[in-house]
Amino acid sequence: MTPLGYLPECRSGVIIYIRGGRRLVKRLMDMGLTLGTLIHMIKSSGPGPILIEVRGSRIALGRGIAMKIFVKEV
């Protein structure tokens, strides 16, 4: 189990755990980031947000939030 921010580019993972308060968890769930969801890392290098693909949509997340989402690489 690793933070989403450490998932290498062009790799996929499944969300195992989200560490955060109710507002953060609800916000992420509204974006489609729920437990058991498959995530594909598109861009994680360099400064700035990371870019992921979830359920056919691309989403940019700040690194702080990405470090609160724990995934298991597949």
PDB file of N, CA and C in Angstrom:
ATOM      1  N   MET A   1       0.854  -1.170   0.000  1.00  0.00           N
ATOM      2  CA  MET A   1       0.000   0.000   0.000  1.00  0.00           C
ATOM      3  C   MET A   1       0.899   1.231   0.000  1.00  0.00           C
ATOM      4  N   THR A   2       0.766   2.067  -1.013  1.00  0.00           N
ATOM      5  CA  THR A   2       1.574   3.273  -1.134  1.00  0.00           C
ATOM      6  C   THR A   2       0.685   4.475  -1.413  1.00  0.00           C
ATOM      7  N   PRO A   3       1.146   5.671  -1.063  1.00  0.00           N
ATOM      8  CA  PRO A   3       0.379   6.867  -1.411  1.00  0.00           C
ATOM      9  C   PRO A   3       0.306   7.053  -2.922  1.00  0.00           C
ATOM     10  N   LEU A   4      -0.790   7.573  -3.397  1.00  0.00           N
ATOM     11  CA  LEU A   4      -0.991   7.795  -4.822  1.00  0.00           C
ATOM     12  C   LEU A   4       0.109   8.669  -5.413  1.00  0.00           C
ATOM     13  N   GLY A   5       0.621   9.603  -4.637  1.00  0.00           N
ATOM     14  CA  GLY A   5       1.686  10.484  -5.116  1.00  0.00           C
ATOM     15  C   GLY A   5       2.961   9.751  -5.476  1.00  0.00           C
ATOM     16  N   TYR A   6       3.154   8.543  -4.983  1.00  0.00           N
ATOM     17  CA  TYR A   6       4.348   7.754  -5.275  1.00  0.00           C
ATOM     18  C   TYR A   6       4.131   6.708  -6.367  1.00  0.00           C
ATOM     19  N   LEU A   7       2.925   6.603  -6.892  1.00  0.00           N
ATOM     20  CA  LEU A   7       2.645   5.643  -7.956  1.00  0.00           C
ATOM     21  C   LEU A   7       3.363   6.115  -9.221  1.00  0.00           C
ATOM     22  N   PRO A   8       4.199   5.256  -9.836  1.00  0.00           N
ATOM     23  CA  PRO A   8       4.939   5.668 -11.040  1.00  0.00           C
ATOM     24  C   PRO A   8       4.006   5.964 -12.215  1.00  0.00           C
ATOM     25  N   GLU A   9       4.498   6.793 -13.134  1.00  0.00           N
ATOM     26  CA  GLU A   9       3.717   7.102 -14.333  1.00  0.00           C
ATOM     27  C   GLU A   9       3.459   5.838 -15.138  1.00  0.00           C
ATOM     28  N   CYS A  10       2.348   5.830 -15.842  1.00  0.00           N
ATOM     29  CA  CYS A  10       1.922   4.711 -16.702  1.00  0.00           C
ATOM     30  C   CYS A  10       1.644   3.434 -15.906  1.00  0.00           C
ATOM     31  N   ARG A  11       1.412   3.541 -14.628  1.00  0.00           N
ATOM     32  CA  ARG A  11       1.064   2.397 -13.791  1.00  0.00           C
ATOM     33  C   ARG A  11      -0.347   2.590 -13.274  1.00  0.00           C
ATOM     34  N   SER A  12      -0.941   1.501 -12.809  1.00  0.00           N
ATOM     35  CA  SER A  12      -2.302   1.542 -12.283  1.00  0.00           C
ATOM     36  C   SER A  12      -2.327   1.026 -10.859  1.00  0.00           C
ATOM     37  N   GLY A  13      -3.329   1.449 -10.120  1.00  0.00           N
ATOM     38  CA  GLY A  13      -3.505   0.999  -8.753  1.00  0.00           C
ATOM     39  C   GLY A  13      -4.971   1.043  -8.369  1.00  0.00           C
ATOM     40  N   VAL A  14      -5.296   0.339  -7.300  1.00  0.00           N
ATOM     41  CA  VAL A  14      -6.659   0.301  -6.773  1.00  0.00           C
ATOM     42  C   VAL A  14      -6.666   1.032  -5.441  1.00  0.00           C
ATOM     43  N   ILE A  15      -7.659   1.901  -5.240  1.00  0.00           N
ATOM     44  CA  ILE A  15      -7.752   2.648  -3.988  1.00  0.00           C
ATOM     45  C   ILE A  15      -8.081   1.695  -2.853  1.00  0.00           C
ATOM     46  N   ILE A  16      -7.241   1.712  -1.810  1.00  0.00           N
ATOM     47  CA  ILE A  16      -7.416   0.851  -0.654  1.00  0.00           C
ATOM     48  C   ILE A  16      -7.929   1.645   0.549  1.00  0.00           C
ATOM     49  N   TYR A  17      -7.420   2.886   0.701  1.00  0.00           N
ATOM     50  CA  TYR A  17      -7.729   3.658   1.907  1.00  0.00           C
ATOM     51  C   TYR A  17      -7.581   5.140   1.593  1.00  0.00           C
ATOM     52  N   ILE A  18      -8.431   5.974   2.180  1.00  0.00           N
ATOM     53  CA  ILE A  18      -8.317   7.429   2.071  1.00  0.00           C
ATOM     54  C   ILE A  18      -8.222   7.986   3.478  1.00  0.00           C
ATOM     55  N   ARG A  19      -7.121   8.676   3.765  1.00  0.00           N
ATOM     56  CA  ARG A  19      -6.911   9.262   5.085  1.00  0.00           C
ATOM     57  C   ARG A  19      -7.314  10.732   5.008  1.00  0.00           C
ATOM     58  N   GLY A  20      -8.356  11.076   5.728  1.00  0.00           N
ATOM     59  CA  GLY A  20      -8.814  12.456   5.713  1.00  0.00           C
ATOM     60  C   GLY A  20     -10.136  12.600   6.428  1.00  0.00           C
ATOM     61  N   GLY A  21     -10.559  13.832   6.551  1.00  0.00           N
ATOM     62  CA  GLY A  21     -11.833  14.121   7.194  1.00  0.00           C
ATOM     63  C   GLY A  21     -13.009  13.842   6.274  1.00  0.00           C
ATOM     64  N   ARG A  22     -14.196  14.016   6.819  1.00  0.00           N
ATOM     65  CA  ARG A  22     -15.410  13.731   6.050  1.00  0.00           C
ATOM     66  C   ARG A  22     -15.520  14.578   4.791  1.00  0.00           C
ATOM     67  N   ARG A  23     -15.138  15.858   4.883  1.00  0.00           N
ATOM     68  CA  ARG A  23     -15.252  16.744   3.717  1.00  0.00           C
ATOM     69  C   ARG A  23     -14.347  16.290   2.584  1.00  0.00           C
ATOM     70  N   LEU A  24     -13.103  15.928   2.915  1.00  0.00           N
ATOM     71  CA  LEU A  24     -12.172  15.474   1.884  1.00  0.00           C
ATOM     72  C   LEU A  24     -12.648  14.166   1.258  1.00  0.00           C
ATOM     73  N   VAL A  25     -13.051  13.230   2.089  1.00  0.00           N
ATOM     74  CA  VAL A  25     -13.504  11.934   1.581  1.00  0.00           C
ATOM     75  C   VAL A  25     -14.732  12.120   0.689  1.00  0.00           C
ATOM     76  N   LYS A  26     -15.676  12.959   1.105  1.00  0.00           N
ATOM     77  CA  LYS A  26     -16.871  13.210   0.290  1.00  0.00           C
ATOM     78  C   LYS A  26     -16.498  13.862  -1.029  1.00  0.00           C
ATOM     79  N   ARG A  27     -15.588  14.821  -0.988  1.00  0.00           N
ATOM     80  CA  ARG A  27     -15.162  15.506  -2.212  1.00  0.00           C
ATOM     81  C   ARG A  27     -14.530  14.520  -3.199  1.00  0.00           C
ATOM     82  N   LEU A  28     -13.674  13.658  -2.681  1.00  0.00           N
ATOM     83  CA  LEU A  28     -13.030  12.666  -3.546  1.00  0.00           C
ATOM     84  C   LEU A  28     -14.044  11.658  -4.084  1.00  0.00           C
ATOM     85  N   MET A  29     -14.990  11.260  -3.240  1.00  0.00           N
ATOM     86  CA  MET A  29     -16.021  10.326  -3.684  1.00  0.00           C
ATOM     87  C   MET A  29     -16.888  10.954  -4.775  1.00  0.00           C
ATOM     88  N   ASP A  30     -17.170  12.247  -4.656  1.00  0.00           N
ATOM     89  CA  ASP A  30     -17.947  12.937  -5.685  1.00  0.00           C
ATOM     90  C   ASP A  30     -17.204  12.984  -7.017  1.00  0.00           C
ATOM     91  N   MET A  31     -15.875  12.916  -6.985  1.00  0.00           N
ATOM     92  CA  MET A  31     -15.063  12.900  -8.205  1.00  0.00           C
ATOM     93  C   MET A  31     -14.890  11.483  -8.741  1.00  0.00           C
ATOM     94  N   GLY A  32     -15.444  10.482  -8.052  1.00  0.00           N
ATOM     95  CA  GLY A  32     -15.353   9.101  -8.506  1.00  0.00           C
ATOM     96  C   GLY A  32     -14.240   8.307  -7.865  1.00  0.00           C
ATOM     97  N   LEU A  33     -13.553   8.895  -6.884  1.00  0.00           N
ATOM     98  CA  LEU A  33     -12.448   8.212  -6.205  1.00  0.00           C
ATOM     99  C   LEU A  33     -12.986   7.505  -4.969  1.00  0.00           C
ATOM    100  N   THR A  34     -13.503   6.304  -5.173  1.00  0.00           N
ATOM    101  CA  THR A  34     -14.053   5.514  -4.076  1.00  0.00           C
ATOM    102  C   THR A  34     -13.175   4.291  -3.839  1.00  0.00           C
ATOM    103  N   LEU A  35     -13.352   3.647  -2.705  1.00  0.00           N
ATOM    104  CA  LEU A  35     -12.572   2.454  -2.395  1.00  0.00           C
ATOM    105  C   LEU A  35     -12.815   1.383  -3.455  1.00  0.00           C
ATOM    106  N   GLY A  36     -11.751   0.746  -3.893  1.00  0.00           N
ATOM    107  CA  GLY A  36     -11.850  -0.295  -4.903  1.00  0.00           C
ATOM    108  C   GLY A  36     -11.782   0.209  -6.335  1.00  0.00           C
ATOM    109  N   THR A  37     -11.697   1.522  -6.520  1.00  0.00           N
ATOM    110  CA  THR A  37     -11.653   2.099  -7.866  1.00  0.00           C
ATOM    111  C   THR A  37     -10.258   1.976  -8.460  1.00  0.00           C
ATOM    112  N   LEU A  38     -10.194   1.632  -9.734  1.00  0.00           N
ATOM    113  CA  LEU A  38      -8.934   1.526 -10.459  1.00  0.00           C
ATOM    114  C   LEU A  38      -8.515   2.913 -10.941  1.00  0.00           C
ATOM    115  N   ILE A  39      -7.246   3.267 -10.692  1.00  0.00           N
ATOM    116  CA  ILE A  39      -6.694   4.564 -11.078  1.00  0.00           C
ATOM    117  C   ILE A  39      -5.494   4.316 -11.978  1.00  0.00           C
ATOM    118  N   HIS A  40      -5.369   5.106 -13.037  1.00  0.00           N
ATOM    119  CA  HIS A  40      -4.198   5.022 -13.910  1.00  0.00           C
ATOM    120  C   HIS A  40      -3.435   6.345 -13.797  1.00  0.00           C
ATOM    121  N   MET A  41      -2.146   6.275 -13.444  1.00  0.00           N
ATOM    122  CA  MET A  41      -1.311   7.471 -13.302  1.00  0.00           C
ATOM    123  C   MET A  41      -0.842   7.922 -14.678  1.00  0.00           C
ATOM    124  N   ILE A  42      -1.167   9.149 -15.025  1.00  0.00           N
ATOM    125  CA  ILE A  42      -0.754   9.699 -16.312  1.00  0.00           C
ATOM    126  C   ILE A  42       0.514  10.528 -16.151  1.00  0.00           C
ATOM    127  N   LYS A  43       0.520  11.470 -15.188  1.00  0.00           N
ATOM    128  CA  LYS A  43       1.686  12.327 -14.968  1.00  0.00           C
ATOM    129  C   LYS A  43       1.899  12.525 -13.478  1.00  0.00           C
ATOM    130  N   SER A  44       3.111  12.221 -13.034  1.00  0.00           N
ATOM    131  CA  SER A  44       3.417  12.472 -11.626  1.00  0.00           C
ATOM    132  C   SER A  44       4.775  13.133 -11.448  1.00  0.00           C
ATOM    133  N   SER A  45       5.509  13.343 -12.536  1.00  0.00           N
ATOM    134  CA  SER A  45       6.837  13.934 -12.422  1.00  0.00           C
ATOM    135  C   SER A  45       6.755  15.463 -12.439  1.00  0.00           C
ATOM    136  N   GLY A  46       7.798  16.072 -11.921  1.00  0.00           N
ATOM    137  CA  GLY A  46       7.877  17.525 -11.911  1.00  0.00           C
ATOM    138  C   GLY A  46       7.021  18.149 -10.828  1.00  0.00           C
ATOM    139  N   PRO A  47       7.146  19.462 -10.694  1.00  0.00           N
ATOM    140  CA  PRO A  47       6.335  20.158  -9.681  1.00  0.00           C
ATOM    141  C   PRO A  47       4.885  20.291 -10.136  1.00  0.00           C
ATOM    142  N   GLY A  48       4.050  20.613  -9.209  1.00  0.00           N
ATOM    143  CA  GLY A  48       2.646  20.812  -9.541  1.00  0.00           C
ATOM    144  C   GLY A  48       1.811  19.576  -9.308  1.00  0.00           C
ATOM    145  N   PRO A  49       0.566  19.635  -9.753  1.00  0.00           N
ATOM    146  CA  PRO A  49      -0.364  18.532  -9.496  1.00  0.00           C
ATOM    147  C   PRO A  49      -0.028  17.285 -10.311  1.00  0.00           C
ATOM    148  N   ILE A  50      -0.595  16.170  -9.865  1.00  0.00           N
ATOM    149  CA  ILE A  50      -0.472  14.927 -10.611  1.00  0.00           C
ATOM    150  C   ILE A  50      -1.715  14.804 -11.491  1.00  0.00           C
ATOM    151  N   LEU A  51      -1.627  14.006 -12.546  1.00  0.00           N
ATOM    152  CA  LEU A  51      -2.748  13.808 -13.456  1.00  0.00           C
ATOM    153  C   LEU A  51      -3.063  12.321 -13.490  1.00  0.00           C
ATOM    154  N   ILE A  52      -4.316  11.979 -13.166  1.00  0.00           N
ATOM    155  CA  ILE A  52      -4.728  10.579 -13.137  1.00  0.00           C
ATOM    156  C   ILE A  52      -5.942  10.384 -14.042  1.00  0.00           C
ATOM    157  N   GLU A  53      -6.176   9.125 -14.396  1.00  0.00           N
ATOM    158  CA  GLU A  53      -7.385   8.779 -15.142  1.00  0.00           C
ATOM    159  C   GLU A  53      -8.220   7.850 -14.279  1.00  0.00           C
ATOM    160  N   VAL A  54      -9.477   8.223 -14.086  1.00  0.00           N
ATOM    161  CA  VAL A  54     -10.400   7.455 -13.257  1.00  0.00           C
ATOM    162  C   VAL A  54     -11.725   7.350 -13.994  1.00  0.00           C
ATOM    163  N   ARG A  55     -12.178   6.130 -14.225  1.00  0.00           N
ATOM    164  CA  ARG A  55     -13.482   5.890 -14.861  1.00  0.00           C
ATOM    165  C   ARG A  55     -13.655   6.657 -16.169  1.00  0.00           C
ATOM    166  N   GLY A  56     -12.573   6.743 -16.949  1.00  0.00           N
ATOM    167  CA  GLY A  56     -12.633   7.402 -18.247  1.00  0.00           C
ATOM    168  C   GLY A  56     -12.455   8.905 -18.215  1.00  0.00           C
ATOM    169  N   SER A  57     -12.262   9.502 -17.045  1.00  0.00           N
ATOM    170  CA  SER A  57     -12.061  10.945 -16.920  1.00  0.00           C
ATOM    171  C   SER A  57     -10.667  11.232 -16.384  1.00  0.00           C
ATOM    172  N   ARG A  58     -10.099  12.330 -16.829  1.00  0.00           N
ATOM    173  CA  ARG A  58      -8.798  12.762 -16.314  1.00  0.00           C
ATOM    174  C   ARG A  58      -9.021  13.788 -15.212  1.00  0.00           C
ATOM    175  N   ILE A  59      -8.274  13.609 -14.115  1.00  0.00           N
ATOM    176  CA  ILE A  59      -8.421  14.478 -12.948  1.00  0.00           C
ATOM    177  C   ILE A  59      -7.038  14.918 -12.497  1.00  0.00           C
ATOM    178  N   ALA A  60      -6.898  16.209 -12.205  1.00  0.00           N
ATOM    179  CA  ALA A  60      -5.660  16.736 -11.634  1.00  0.00           C
ATOM    180  C   ALA A  60      -5.862  16.850 -10.125  1.00  0.00           C
ATOM    181  N   LEU A  61      -4.903  16.332  -9.368  1.00  0.00           N
ATOM    182  CA  LEU A  61      -4.960  16.395  -7.904  1.00  0.00           C
ATOM    183  C   LEU A  61      -3.678  17.024  -7.385  1.00  0.00           C
ATOM    184  N   GLY A  62      -3.819  17.851  -6.356  1.00  0.00           N
ATOM    185  CA  GLY A  62      -2.646  18.384  -5.688  1.00  0.00           C
ATOM    186  C   GLY A  62      -1.880  17.265  -4.994  1.00  0.00           C
ATOM    187  N   ARG A  63      -0.583  17.449  -4.840  1.00  0.00           N
ATOM    188  CA  ARG A  63       0.245  16.411  -4.219  1.00  0.00           C
ATOM    189  C   ARG A  63      -0.153  16.132  -2.776  1.00  0.00           C
ATOM    190  N   GLY A  64      -0.585  17.137  -2.043  1.00  0.00           N
ATOM    191  CA  GLY A  64      -1.002  16.935  -0.655  1.00  0.00           C
ATOM    192  C   GLY A  64      -2.181  15.984  -0.563  1.00  0.00           C
ATOM    193  N   ILE A  65      -3.148  16.171  -1.427  1.00  0.00           N
ATOM    194  CA  ILE A  65      -4.314  15.283  -1.446  1.00  0.00           C
ATOM    195  C   ILE A  65      -3.917  13.902  -1.940  1.00  0.00           C
ATOM    196  N   ALA A  66      -3.051  13.851  -2.957  1.00  0.00           N
ATOM    197  CA  ALA A  66      -2.618  12.559  -3.502  1.00  0.00           C
ATOM    198  C   ALA A  66      -1.904  11.720  -2.447  1.00  0.00           C
ATOM    199  N   MET A  67      -1.229  12.359  -1.507  1.00  0.00           N
ATOM    200  CA  MET A  67      -0.514  11.623  -0.469  1.00  0.00           C
ATOM    201  C   MET A  67      -1.463  11.061   0.589  1.00  0.00           C
ATOM    202  N   LYS A  68      -2.735  11.452   0.558  1.00  0.00           N
ATOM    203  CA  LYS A  68      -3.718  10.936   1.508  1.00  0.00           C
ATOM    204  C   LYS A  68      -4.537   9.782   0.923  1.00  0.00           C
ATOM    205  N   ILE A  69      -4.297   9.460  -0.347  1.00  0.00           N
ATOM    206  CA  ILE A  69      -4.988   8.366  -1.021  1.00  0.00           C
ATOM    207  C   ILE A  69      -4.003   7.223  -1.148  1.00  0.00           C
ATOM    208  N   PHE A  70      -4.326   6.090  -0.556  1.00  0.00           N
ATOM    209  CA  PHE A  70      -3.416   4.943  -0.561  1.00  0.00           C
ATOM    210  C   PHE A  70      -3.929   3.916  -1.557  1.00  0.00           C
ATOM    211  N   VAL A  71      -3.011   3.425  -2.406  1.00  0.00           N
ATOM    212  CA  VAL A  71      -3.370   2.491  -3.457  1.00  0.00           C
ATOM    213  C   VAL A  71      -2.495   1.240  -3.389  1.00  0.00           C
ATOM    214  N   LYS A  72      -3.009   0.190  -3.998  1.00  0.00           N
ATOM    215  CA  LYS A  72      -2.234  -1.043  -4.163  1.00  0.00           C
ATOM    216  C   LYS A  72      -1.982  -1.160  -5.662  1.00  0.00           C
ATOM    217  N   GLU A  73      -0.714  -1.194  -6.046  1.00  0.00           N
ATOM    218  CA  GLU A  73      -0.354  -1.247  -7.460  1.00  0.00           C
ATOM    219  C   GLU A  73      -0.773  -2.575  -8.081  1.00  0.00           C
ATOM    220  N   VAL A  74      -1.321  -2.494  -9.299  1.00  0.00           N
ATOM    221  CA  VAL A  74      -1.718  -3.709 -10.028  1.00  0.00           C
ATOM    222  C   VAL A  74      -0.980  -3.794 -11.343  1.00  0.00           C
TER     223      VAL A  74
END
